[in-house]
């Protein structure tokens, strides 16, 4: 795990976020508003909670830590680690199952490198993951596309090599298929079967890394 965040402290933060939103649902519900229907607005509210509760989780491990959600300020500053900065991102799974890891590339270019703490949810916020990316640099992100307001997509092939899954997990599909076909080569009973497996290995070897992300049920964490 990270030197400043672990599974148990992350679960405590998730528990606090869940408790907060249970109360918020009741408050909004009194006025006839179902905040669970708008994933984007709910994630905005979760963002502030993520910074607050994960700063508290980090503080429980390494000491002095603060959070400041104002524009232009670091989300979390670990004062006990010489002011180390951690950017927090709440990410909800897309309607088709995709994940859009993003960051403001101009800000990262100004800083040079930064840790990123991604809090991942499914679309009904019943399953969760916590991924910590250590010391990402501008080259770990693609260039922003026109109309993206400076938001750049994560370059998964390099960035996931710097990722520690604290809650949930991920698997590299490319590596998994290569391993499978290498086993097929060793166990093949004919020259044709071996040749097909070797061709599959070469195909996957030339493909970019792709990742399968697995969340954990929130209610089973506590």
C-alpha atoms as a PDB file:
ATOM      1  CA  UNK A   1       0.000   0.000   0.000  1.00  0.00           C
ATOM      2  CA  UNK A   2       0.949   3.660  -0.039  1.00  0.00           C
ATOM      3  CA  UNK A   3       3.046   5.064   2.785  1.00  0.00           C
ATOM      4  CA  UNK A   4       0.254   7.521   3.612  1.00  0.00           C
ATOM      5  CA  UNK A   5      -2.972   5.664   2.807  1.00  0.00           C
ATOM      6  CA  UNK A   6      -4.099   2.074   3.346  1.00  0.00           C
ATOM      7  CA  UNK A   7      -7.184  -0.067   2.923  1.00  0.00           C
ATOM      8  CA  UNK A   8      -8.595   0.311   6.434  1.00  0.00           C
ATOM      9  CA  UNK A   9      -8.283   4.106   6.464  1.00  0.00           C
ATOM     10  CA  UNK A  10      -9.810   4.287   2.975  1.00  0.00           C
ATOM     11  CA  UNK A  11     -12.750   2.145   4.072  1.00  0.00           C
ATOM     12  CA  UNK A  12     -13.296   4.497   7.004  1.00  0.00           C
ATOM     13  CA  UNK A  13     -13.403   7.427   4.565  1.00  0.00           C
ATOM     14  CA  UNK A  14     -15.880   5.596   2.330  1.00  0.00           C
ATOM     15  CA  UNK A  15     -18.021   4.781   5.367  1.00  0.00           C
ATOM     16  CA  UNK A  16     -18.135   8.475   6.297  1.00  0.00           C
ATOM     17  CA  UNK A  17     -19.068   9.455   2.740  1.00  0.00           C
ATOM     18  CA  UNK A  18     -21.843   6.860   2.706  1.00  0.00           C
ATOM     19  CA  UNK A  19     -23.173   8.113   6.058  1.00  0.00           C
ATOM     20  CA  UNK A  20     -23.114  11.733   4.872  1.00  0.00           C
ATOM     21  CA  UNK A  21     -25.028  10.932   1.712  1.00  0.00           C
ATOM     22  CA  UNK A  22     -27.572   8.867   3.554  1.00  0.00           C
ATOM     23  CA  UNK A  23     -28.409  12.017   5.521  1.00  0.00           C
ATOM     24  CA  UNK A  24     -28.272  14.220   2.413  1.00  0.00           C
ATOM     25  CA  UNK A  25     -30.711  11.930   0.617  1.00  0.00           C
ATOM     26  CA  UNK A  26     -33.146  12.401   3.495  1.00  0.00           C
ATOM     27  CA  UNK A  27     -32.730  16.190   3.501  1.00  0.00           C
ATOM     28  CA  UNK A  28     -33.159  16.534  -0.260  1.00  0.00           C
ATOM     29  CA  UNK A  29     -36.028  14.049  -0.159  1.00  0.00           C
ATOM     30  CA  UNK A  30     -37.949  16.264   2.292  1.00  0.00           C
ATOM     31  CA  UNK A  31     -38.128  18.843  -0.480  1.00  0.00           C
ATOM     32  CA  UNK A  32     -39.020  16.357  -3.202  1.00  0.00           C
ATOM     33  CA  UNK A  33     -35.562  16.194  -4.758  1.00  0.00           C
ATOM     34  CA  UNK A  34     -34.005  12.827  -5.618  1.00  0.00           C
ATOM     35  CA  UNK A  35     -30.291  13.591  -5.861  1.00  0.00           C
ATOM     36  CA  UNK A  36     -29.506  10.002  -6.845  1.00  0.00           C
ATOM     37  CA  UNK A  37     -31.052  10.583 -10.283  1.00  0.00           C
ATOM     38  CA  UNK A  38     -28.354  13.048 -11.353  1.00  0.00           C
ATOM     39  CA  UNK A  39     -25.002  11.271 -11.266  1.00  0.00           C
ATOM     40  CA  UNK A  40     -23.040  14.391 -12.204  1.00  0.00           C
ATOM     41  CA  UNK A  41     -24.489  16.576  -9.448  1.00  0.00           C
ATOM     42  CA  UNK A  42     -24.056  13.837  -6.873  1.00  0.00           C
ATOM     43  CA  UNK A  43     -20.404  13.440  -7.851  1.00  0.00           C
ATOM     44  CA  UNK A  44     -19.857  17.172  -7.342  1.00  0.00           C
ATOM     45  CA  UNK A  45     -21.127  16.812  -3.781  1.00  0.00           C
ATOM     46  CA  UNK A  46     -19.048  13.676  -3.240  1.00  0.00           C
ATOM     47  CA  UNK A  47     -15.940  15.524  -4.420  1.00  0.00           C
ATOM     48  CA  UNK A  48     -15.866  17.812  -1.382  1.00  0.00           C
ATOM     49  CA  UNK A  49     -16.547  14.847   0.903  1.00  0.00           C
ATOM     50  CA  UNK A  50     -13.721  12.868  -0.705  1.00  0.00           C
ATOM     51  CA  UNK A  51     -11.192  15.619  -0.012  1.00  0.00           C
ATOM     52  CA  UNK A  52     -12.337  16.048   3.595  1.00  0.00           C
ATOM     53  CA  UNK A  53     -12.605  12.422   4.655  1.00  0.00           C
ATOM     54  CA  UNK A  54      -9.527  11.154   2.814  1.00  0.00           C
ATOM     55  CA  UNK A  55      -7.457  14.000   4.273  1.00  0.00           C
ATOM     56  CA  UNK A  56      -8.629  12.793   7.665  1.00  0.00           C
ATOM     57  CA  UNK A  57      -7.711   9.212   6.703  1.00  0.00           C
ATOM     58  CA  UNK A  58      -4.225  10.292   5.664  1.00  0.00           C
ATOM     59  CA  UNK A  59      -3.824  12.308   8.859  1.00  0.00           C
ATOM     60  CA  UNK A  60      -4.555   9.192  10.919  1.00  0.00           C
ATOM     61  CA  UNK A  61      -1.508   7.516   9.352  1.00  0.00           C
ATOM     62  CA  UNK A  62       1.162  10.174   8.819  1.00  0.00           C
ATOM     63  CA  UNK A  63       0.054  13.146  10.887  1.00  0.00           C
ATOM     64  CA  UNK A  64      -0.575  16.734   9.813  1.00  0.00           C
ATOM     65  CA  UNK A  65      -2.694  16.924   6.661  1.00  0.00           C
ATOM     66  CA  UNK A  66      -5.108  19.517   5.306  1.00  0.00           C
ATOM     67  CA  UNK A  67      -7.576  19.924   2.458  1.00  0.00           C
ATOM     68  CA  UNK A  68      -8.700  22.996   0.554  1.00  0.00           C
ATOM     69  CA  UNK A  69     -11.233  22.749  -2.253  1.00  0.00           C
ATOM     70  CA  UNK A  70     -10.844  26.300  -3.540  1.00  0.00           C
ATOM     71  CA  UNK A  71      -9.990  26.818  -7.212  1.00  0.00           C
ATOM     72  CA  UNK A  72      -6.248  26.822  -7.749  1.00  0.00           C
ATOM     73  CA  UNK A  73      -5.494  25.167  -4.424  1.00  0.00           C
ATOM     74  CA  UNK A  74      -4.310  21.585  -3.955  1.00  0.00           C
ATOM     75  CA  UNK A  75      -7.097  19.225  -2.890  1.00  0.00           C
ATOM     76  CA  UNK A  76      -5.000  17.626  -0.147  1.00  0.00           C
ATOM     77  CA  UNK A  77      -1.678  18.782   1.262  1.00  0.00           C
ATOM     78  CA  UNK A  78       0.265  16.390   3.482  1.00  0.00           C
ATOM     79  CA  UNK A  79       2.164  18.835   5.674  1.00  0.00           C
ATOM     80  CA  UNK A  80       3.954  16.058   7.541  1.00  0.00           C
ATOM     81  CA  UNK A  81       5.492  14.948   4.195  1.00  0.00           C
ATOM     82  CA  UNK A  82       6.979  18.312   3.225  1.00  0.00           C
ATOM     83  CA  UNK A  83       3.750  19.607   1.724  1.00  0.00           C
ATOM     84  CA  UNK A  84       3.153  16.693  -0.626  1.00  0.00           C
ATOM     85  CA  UNK A  85       0.077  17.370  -2.785  1.00  0.00           C
ATOM     86  CA  UNK A  86      -2.640  14.890  -3.699  1.00  0.00           C
ATOM     87  CA  UNK A  87      -5.270  15.653  -6.331  1.00  0.00           C
ATOM     88  CA  UNK A  88      -8.675  14.031  -5.680  1.00  0.00           C
ATOM     89  CA  UNK A  89     -11.000  12.901  -8.452  1.00  0.00           C
ATOM     90  CA  UNK A  90     -14.459  11.307  -8.228  1.00  0.00           C
ATOM     91  CA  UNK A  91     -15.184   9.106 -11.200  1.00  0.00           C
ATOM     92  CA  UNK A  92     -18.438   7.401 -12.161  1.00  0.00           C
ATOM     93  CA  UNK A  93     -18.602   4.556 -14.659  1.00  0.00           C
ATOM     94  CA  UNK A  94     -19.953   5.541 -18.064  1.00  0.00           C
ATOM     95  CA  UNK A  95     -23.287   4.265 -19.321  1.00  0.00           C
ATOM     96  CA  UNK A  96     -21.492   1.749 -21.555  1.00  0.00           C
ATOM     97  CA  UNK A  97     -19.104   0.628 -18.832  1.00  0.00           C
ATOM     98  CA  UNK A  98     -16.127   2.815 -19.712  1.00  0.00           C
ATOM     99  CA  UNK A  99     -13.963   4.827 -17.333  1.00  0.00           C
ATOM    100  CA  UNK A 100     -12.784   8.357 -18.139  1.00  0.00           C
ATOM    101  CA  UNK A 101      -9.737   9.174 -16.008  1.00  0.00           C
ATOM    102  CA  UNK A 102      -8.963  12.861 -16.525  1.00  0.00           C
ATOM    103  CA  UNK A 103      -6.949  15.742 -15.140  1.00  0.00           C
ATOM    104  CA  UNK A 104      -6.188  19.368 -15.909  1.00  0.00           C
ATOM    105  CA  UNK A 105      -2.967  18.988 -17.866  1.00  0.00           C
ATOM    106  CA  UNK A 106      -1.951  22.647 -17.650  1.00  0.00           C
ATOM    107  CA  UNK A 107      -2.020  22.471 -13.854  1.00  0.00           C
ATOM    108  CA  UNK A 108       0.023  19.274 -13.877  1.00  0.00           C
ATOM    109  CA  UNK A 109       2.561  20.828 -16.264  1.00  0.00           C
ATOM    110  CA  UNK A 110       2.938  23.710 -13.830  1.00  0.00           C
ATOM    111  CA  UNK A 111       3.504  21.333 -10.896  1.00  0.00           C
ATOM    112  CA  UNK A 112       5.703  18.862 -12.769  1.00  0.00           C
ATOM    113  CA  UNK A 113       4.277  15.803 -11.017  1.00  0.00           C
ATOM    114  CA  UNK A 114       1.536  14.971  -8.548  1.00  0.00           C
ATOM    115  CA  UNK A 115      -0.233  12.064  -6.859  1.00  0.00           C
ATOM    116  CA  UNK A 116      -3.828  11.434  -7.948  1.00  0.00           C
ATOM    117  CA  UNK A 117      -6.434   9.759  -5.755  1.00  0.00           C
ATOM    118  CA  UNK A 118      -9.335   8.472  -7.835  1.00  0.00           C
ATOM    119  CA  UNK A 119     -12.549   7.426  -6.087  1.00  0.00           C
ATOM    120  CA  UNK A 120     -14.527   5.205  -8.466  1.00  0.00           C
ATOM    121  CA  UNK A 121     -18.240   4.389  -8.324  1.00  0.00           C
ATOM    122  CA  UNK A 122     -20.722   2.520 -10.454  1.00  0.00           C
ATOM    123  CA  UNK A 123     -23.703   4.530 -11.654  1.00  0.00           C
ATOM    124  CA  UNK A 124     -25.845   3.746  -8.618  1.00  0.00           C
ATOM    125  CA  UNK A 125     -23.003   4.354  -6.138  1.00  0.00           C
ATOM    126  CA  UNK A 126     -23.308   0.885  -4.612  1.00  0.00           C
ATOM    127  CA  UNK A 127     -19.831  -0.336  -5.610  1.00  0.00           C
ATOM    128  CA  UNK A 128     -16.531   1.452  -5.164  1.00  0.00           C
ATOM    129  CA  UNK A 129     -12.791   1.418  -5.753  1.00  0.00           C
ATOM    130  CA  UNK A 130      -9.922   3.613  -4.577  1.00  0.00           C
ATOM    131  CA  UNK A 131      -6.910   3.916  -6.895  1.00  0.00           C
ATOM    132  CA  UNK A 132      -3.823   5.920  -5.943  1.00  0.00           C
ATOM    133  CA  UNK A 133      -1.553   6.981  -8.809  1.00  0.00           C
ATOM    134  CA  UNK A 134       1.889   8.066  -7.577  1.00  0.00           C
ATOM    135  CA  UNK A 135       3.822  10.935  -9.129  1.00  0.00           C
ATOM    136  CA  UNK A 136       2.013  11.235 -12.446  1.00  0.00           C
ATOM    137  CA  UNK A 137       3.683  13.602 -14.928  1.00  0.00           C
ATOM    138  CA  UNK A 138       2.250  15.428 -17.977  1.00  0.00           C
ATOM    139  CA  UNK A 139       3.351  12.622 -20.305  1.00  0.00           C
ATOM    140  CA  UNK A 140       1.040  10.261 -18.388  1.00  0.00           C
ATOM    141  CA  UNK A 141      -1.866  12.138 -19.997  1.00  0.00           C
ATOM    142  CA  UNK A 142      -2.860  12.699 -23.618  1.00  0.00           C
ATOM    143  CA  UNK A 143      -3.109  16.230 -24.944  1.00  0.00           C
ATOM    144  CA  UNK A 144      -6.515  17.800 -24.245  1.00  0.00           C
ATOM    145  CA  UNK A 145      -8.962  17.504 -27.118  1.00  0.00           C
ATOM    146  CA  UNK A 146     -10.754  20.584 -28.507  1.00  0.00           C
ATOM    147  CA  UNK A 147     -13.710  21.507 -26.343  1.00  0.00           C
ATOM    148  CA  UNK A 148     -12.461  19.560 -23.308  1.00  0.00           C
ATOM    149  CA  UNK A 149     -11.696  22.753 -21.357  1.00  0.00           C
ATOM    150  CA  UNK A 150      -8.162  21.588 -20.702  1.00  0.00           C
ATOM    151  CA  UNK A 151      -9.134  18.162 -19.380  1.00  0.00           C
ATOM    152  CA  UNK A 152      -6.793  15.439 -20.613  1.00  0.00           C
ATOM    153  CA  UNK A 153      -7.348  11.679 -20.687  1.00  0.00           C
ATOM    154  CA  UNK A 154      -5.069   9.401 -18.715  1.00  0.00           C
ATOM    155  CA  UNK A 155      -2.487   7.528 -20.769  1.00  0.00           C
ATOM    156  CA  UNK A 156      -3.261   4.148 -19.230  1.00  0.00           C
ATOM    157  CA  UNK A 157      -0.263   2.309 -20.680  1.00  0.00           C
ATOM    158  CA  UNK A 158       2.115   4.359 -18.522  1.00  0.00           C
ATOM    159  CA  UNK A 159      -0.063   5.649 -15.670  1.00  0.00           C
ATOM    160  CA  UNK A 160      -1.398   2.285 -14.485  1.00  0.00           C
ATOM    161  CA  UNK A 161       2.174   1.154 -13.884  1.00  0.00           C
ATOM    162  CA  UNK A 162       2.205   3.803 -11.130  1.00  0.00           C
ATOM    163  CA  UNK A 163      -1.162   2.800  -9.672  1.00  0.00           C
ATOM    164  CA  UNK A 164      -1.833   1.131  -6.330  1.00  0.00           C
ATOM    165  CA  UNK A 165      -5.388  -0.260  -6.008  1.00  0.00           C
ATOM    166  CA  UNK A 166      -6.307   0.273  -2.356  1.00  0.00           C
ATOM    167  CA  UNK A 167      -9.955  -0.776  -2.634  1.00  0.00           C
ATOM    168  CA  UNK A 168     -11.029  -2.768  -5.671  1.00  0.00           C
ATOM    169  CA  UNK A 169      -8.543  -3.995  -8.244  1.00  0.00           C
ATOM    170  CA  UNK A 170      -7.624  -3.972 -11.911  1.00  0.00           C
ATOM    171  CA  UNK A 171      -6.184  -6.481 -14.357  1.00  0.00           C
ATOM    172  CA  UNK A 172      -4.196  -5.869 -17.512  1.00  0.00           C
ATOM    173  CA  UNK A 173      -6.178  -7.681 -20.207  1.00  0.00           C
ATOM    174  CA  UNK A 174      -3.271  -7.616 -22.639  1.00  0.00           C
ATOM    175  CA  UNK A 175      -0.937  -9.364 -20.191  1.00  0.00           C
ATOM    176  CA  UNK A 176      -3.658 -11.852 -19.309  1.00  0.00           C
ATOM    177  CA  UNK A 177      -4.193 -12.905 -22.918  1.00  0.00           C
ATOM    178  CA  UNK A 178      -0.452 -13.172 -23.587  1.00  0.00           C
ATOM    179  CA  UNK A 179      -0.096 -15.426 -20.551  1.00  0.00           C
ATOM    180  CA  UNK A 180      -3.015 -17.560 -21.731  1.00  0.00           C
ATOM    181  CA  UNK A 181      -1.593 -18.091 -25.219  1.00  0.00           C
ATOM    182  CA  UNK A 182       1.889 -18.779 -23.875  1.00  0.00           C
ATOM    183  CA  UNK A 183       0.332 -21.640 -21.908  1.00  0.00           C
ATOM    184  CA  UNK A 184      -1.422 -22.780 -25.105  1.00  0.00           C
ATOM    185  CA  UNK A 185       1.932 -22.866 -26.913  1.00  0.00           C
ATOM    186  CA  UNK A 186       3.420 -25.066 -24.194  1.00  0.00           C
ATOM    187  CA  UNK A 187       0.435 -27.429 -24.130  1.00  0.00           C
ATOM    188  CA  UNK A 188      -0.318 -27.553 -27.882  1.00  0.00           C
ATOM    189  CA  UNK A 189      -0.659 -31.017 -29.382  1.00  0.00           C
ATOM    190  CA  UNK A 190      -0.045 -30.053 -32.992  1.00  0.00           C
ATOM    191  CA  UNK A 191       2.071 -27.696 -35.066  1.00  0.00           C
ATOM    192  CA  UNK A 192      -1.019 -25.823 -36.291  1.00  0.00           C
ATOM    193  CA  UNK A 193      -2.348 -25.256 -32.765  1.00  0.00           C
ATOM    194  CA  UNK A 194       1.065 -24.002 -31.666  1.00  0.00           C
ATOM    195  CA  UNK A 195       1.281 -21.676 -34.673  1.00  0.00           C
ATOM    196  CA  UNK A 196      -2.173 -20.198 -33.965  1.00  0.00           C
ATOM    197  CA  UNK A 197      -1.269 -19.581 -30.318  1.00  0.00           C
ATOM    198  CA  UNK A 198       2.011 -17.919 -31.340  1.00  0.00           C
ATOM    199  CA  UNK A 199       0.112 -15.662 -33.753  1.00  0.00           C
ATOM    200  CA  UNK A 200      -2.270 -14.685 -30.945  1.00  0.00           C
ATOM    201  CA  UNK A 201       0.688 -13.847 -28.695  1.00  0.00           C
ATOM    202  CA  UNK A 202       2.140 -11.595 -31.394  1.00  0.00           C
ATOM    203  CA  UNK A 203      -1.236  -9.917 -31.926  1.00  0.00           C
ATOM    204  CA  UNK A 204      -1.673  -9.119 -28.248  1.00  0.00           C
ATOM    205  CA  UNK A 205       1.970  -8.146 -27.869  1.00  0.00           C
ATOM    206  CA  UNK A 206       1.446  -5.381 -30.435  1.00  0.00           C
ATOM    207  CA  UNK A 207      -1.773  -4.116 -28.831  1.00  0.00           C
ATOM    208  CA  UNK A 208      -1.772  -1.304 -26.247  1.00  0.00           C
ATOM    209  CA  UNK A 209      -2.448  -2.164 -22.619  1.00  0.00           C
ATOM    210  CA  UNK A 210      -6.120  -2.283 -21.676  1.00  0.00           C
ATOM    211  CA  UNK A 211      -7.515  -2.677 -18.183  1.00  0.00           C
ATOM    212  CA  UNK A 212     -10.500  -4.288 -16.541  1.00  0.00           C
ATOM    213  CA  UNK A 213     -11.523  -2.502 -13.341  1.00  0.00           C
ATOM    214  CA  UNK A 214     -13.331  -4.362 -10.566  1.00  0.00           C
ATOM    215  CA  UNK A 215     -15.184  -2.548  -7.811  1.00  0.00           C
ATOM    216  CA  UNK A 216     -16.179  -3.818  -4.381  1.00  0.00           C
ATOM    217  CA  UNK A 217     -19.660  -3.691  -2.835  1.00  0.00           C
ATOM    218  CA  UNK A 218     -19.760  -0.812  -0.364  1.00  0.00           C
ATOM    219  CA  UNK A 219     -22.071  -2.622   2.062  1.00  0.00           C
ATOM    220  CA  UNK A 220     -19.603  -5.543   2.272  1.00  0.00           C
ATOM    221  CA  UNK A 221     -16.664  -3.318   3.222  1.00  0.00           C
ATOM    222  CA  UNK A 222     -17.908  -2.547   6.747  1.00  0.00           C
END
